[in-house]
C-alpha cells in the first residue's frame, strides 16, 4: 500500500471517530428544537410549542449521526455536534 492510501485510511478513521464523539445527544436535540421554534415565532415561544415538540420527539441514532421524529415527520438532524431543525 502506498502512503496516500494509508493517509486516506487514517483520515477516514479519524473522521469516523470524530463523528461518534460529537454525535448530538437527545437532550441537545430537544434544546435546539426549543430554541429554533422560539426564534421563529414569539407566539410559539409563549405557548410552549417548542417545548411540547421537543418533549414528544423520539430520538434515533446511528452512532455517527442522529435525528428526532414526531410521528412520521423528521424534526431535527444532527452530526458532528451540529443540529439542523426542519421547518
C-alpha atoms as a PDB file:
ATOM      1  CA  UNK A   1       0.000   0.000   0.000  1.00  0.00           C
ATOM      2  CA  UNK A   2       1.175   3.481  -0.760  1.00  0.00           C
ATOM      3  CA  UNK A   3       1.473   6.393   1.639  1.00  0.00           C
ATOM      4  CA  UNK A   4      -1.569   8.104   0.134  1.00  0.00           C
ATOM      5  CA  UNK A   5      -3.739   5.042   0.805  1.00  0.00           C
ATOM      6  CA  UNK A   6      -2.569   4.970   4.432  1.00  0.00           C
ATOM      7  CA  UNK A   7      -3.184   8.696   4.799  1.00  0.00           C
ATOM      8  CA  UNK A   8      -6.688   8.356   3.359  1.00  0.00           C
ATOM      9  CA  UNK A   9      -7.426   5.428   5.653  1.00  0.00           C
ATOM     10  CA  UNK A  10      -6.174   7.329   8.709  1.00  0.00           C
ATOM     11  CA  UNK A  11      -8.280  10.374   7.795  1.00  0.00           C
ATOM     12  CA  UNK A  12     -11.377   8.230   7.292  1.00  0.00           C
ATOM     13  CA  UNK A  13     -10.931   6.530  10.665  1.00  0.00           C
ATOM     14  CA  UNK A  14     -10.316   9.896  12.359  1.00  0.00           C
ATOM     15  CA  UNK A  15     -13.480  11.348  10.785  1.00  0.00           C
ATOM     16  CA  UNK A  16     -15.482   8.316  11.923  1.00  0.00           C
ATOM     17  CA  UNK A  17     -14.190   8.608  15.489  1.00  0.00           C
ATOM     18  CA  UNK A  18     -14.896  12.354  15.486  1.00  0.00           C
ATOM     19  CA  UNK A  19     -18.448  11.740  14.248  1.00  0.00           C
ATOM     20  CA  UNK A  20     -19.121   9.229  17.038  1.00  0.00           C
ATOM     21  CA  UNK A  21     -17.707  11.505  19.741  1.00  0.00           C
ATOM     22  CA  UNK A  22     -19.584  14.599  18.509  1.00  0.00           C
ATOM     23  CA  UNK A  23     -22.916  12.886  17.789  1.00  0.00           C
ATOM     24  CA  UNK A  24     -25.598  15.076  19.454  1.00  0.00           C
ATOM     25  CA  UNK A  25     -27.467  13.603  22.416  1.00  0.00           C
ATOM     26  CA  UNK A  26     -31.265  13.550  22.817  1.00  0.00           C
ATOM     27  CA  UNK A  27     -31.037  16.485  25.230  1.00  0.00           C
ATOM     28  CA  UNK A  28     -29.052  18.542  22.716  1.00  0.00           C
ATOM     29  CA  UNK A  29     -31.660  17.850  20.034  1.00  0.00           C
ATOM     30  CA  UNK A  30     -34.505  18.852  22.353  1.00  0.00           C
ATOM     31  CA  UNK A  31     -32.752  22.070  23.441  1.00  0.00           C
ATOM     32  CA  UNK A  32     -32.087  23.035  19.836  1.00  0.00           C
ATOM     33  CA  UNK A  33     -35.695  22.322  18.777  1.00  0.00           C
ATOM     34  CA  UNK A  34     -36.986  24.538  21.586  1.00  0.00           C
ATOM     35  CA  UNK A  35     -34.530  27.348  20.689  1.00  0.00           C
ATOM     36  CA  UNK A  36     -35.279  27.320  16.971  1.00  0.00           C
ATOM     37  CA  UNK A  37     -39.048  27.275  17.340  1.00  0.00           C
ATOM     38  CA  UNK A  38     -38.856  30.125  19.857  1.00  0.00           C
ATOM     39  CA  UNK A  39     -36.730  32.176  17.428  1.00  0.00           C
ATOM     40  CA  UNK A  40     -39.088  31.533  14.521  1.00  0.00           C
ATOM     41  CA  UNK A  41     -42.262  32.590  16.329  1.00  0.00           C
ATOM     42  CA  UNK A  42     -42.615  34.626  19.536  1.00  0.00           C
ATOM     43  CA  UNK A  43     -46.194  33.344  19.882  1.00  0.00           C
ATOM     44  CA  UNK A  44     -44.995  29.749  19.684  1.00  0.00           C
ATOM     45  CA  UNK A  45     -42.454  30.556  22.403  1.00  0.00           C
ATOM     46  CA  UNK A  46     -45.163  31.943  24.694  1.00  0.00           C
ATOM     47  CA  UNK A  47     -47.415  28.954  24.056  1.00  0.00           C
ATOM     48  CA  UNK A  48     -44.555  26.497  24.623  1.00  0.00           C
ATOM     49  CA  UNK A  49     -44.828  24.872  21.206  1.00  0.00           C
ATOM     50  CA  UNK A  50     -41.081  24.232  21.067  1.00  0.00           C
ATOM     51  CA  UNK A  51     -41.049  22.546  24.446  1.00  0.00           C
ATOM     52  CA  UNK A  52     -44.060  20.415  23.519  1.00  0.00           C
ATOM     53  CA  UNK A  53     -42.482  19.387  20.211  1.00  0.00           C
ATOM     54  CA  UNK A  54     -39.185  18.579  21.934  1.00  0.00           C
ATOM     55  CA  UNK A  55     -40.985  16.571  24.638  1.00  0.00           C
ATOM     56  CA  UNK A  56     -42.926  14.465  22.148  1.00  0.00           C
ATOM     57  CA  UNK A  57     -39.982  13.843  19.817  1.00  0.00           C
ATOM     58  CA  UNK A  58     -38.381  10.417  19.501  1.00  0.00           C
ATOM     59  CA  UNK A  59     -34.572  10.217  19.297  1.00  0.00           C
ATOM     60  CA  UNK A  60     -32.850   7.933  16.780  1.00  0.00           C
ATOM     61  CA  UNK A  61     -29.109   7.387  16.389  1.00  0.00           C
ATOM     62  CA  UNK A  62     -26.755   5.595  14.033  1.00  0.00           C
ATOM     63  CA  UNK A  63     -23.766   6.357  16.246  1.00  0.00           C
ATOM     64  CA  UNK A  64     -22.298   8.827  13.767  1.00  0.00           C
ATOM     65  CA  UNK A  65     -25.491  10.824  13.146  1.00  0.00           C
ATOM     66  CA  UNK A  66     -28.823  11.236  14.895  1.00  0.00           C
ATOM     67  CA  UNK A  67     -32.307  12.586  14.289  1.00  0.00           C
ATOM     68  CA  UNK A  68     -35.599  13.122  16.067  1.00  0.00           C
ATOM     69  CA  UNK A  69     -39.082  12.460  14.791  1.00  0.00           C
ATOM     70  CA  UNK A  70     -42.598  13.395  15.808  1.00  0.00           C
ATOM     71  CA  UNK A  71     -44.954  10.873  14.286  1.00  0.00           C
ATOM     72  CA  UNK A  72     -43.677  10.264  10.747  1.00  0.00           C
ATOM     73  CA  UNK A  73     -42.062  13.704  10.434  1.00  0.00           C
ATOM     74  CA  UNK A  74     -38.319  14.255  10.935  1.00  0.00           C
ATOM     75  CA  UNK A  75     -37.901  17.304  13.168  1.00  0.00           C
ATOM     76  CA  UNK A  76     -34.118  17.540  13.576  1.00  0.00           C
ATOM     77  CA  UNK A  77     -30.957  16.007  12.155  1.00  0.00           C
ATOM     78  CA  UNK A  78     -27.594  16.098  13.899  1.00  0.00           C
ATOM     79  CA  UNK A  79     -23.998  15.172  13.136  1.00  0.00           C
ATOM     80  CA  UNK A  80     -20.523  16.381  14.145  1.00  0.00           C
ATOM     81  CA  UNK A  81     -22.010  18.420  17.011  1.00  0.00           C
ATOM     82  CA  UNK A  82     -24.370  20.421  14.794  1.00  0.00           C
ATOM     83  CA  UNK A  83     -28.147  20.123  14.738  1.00  0.00           C
ATOM     84  CA  UNK A  84     -30.456  21.245  11.928  1.00  0.00           C
ATOM     85  CA  UNK A  85     -34.128  21.740  12.774  1.00  0.00           C
ATOM     86  CA  UNK A  86     -36.540  21.453   9.837  1.00  0.00           C
ATOM     87  CA  UNK A  87     -39.458  23.792   9.213  1.00  0.00           C
END
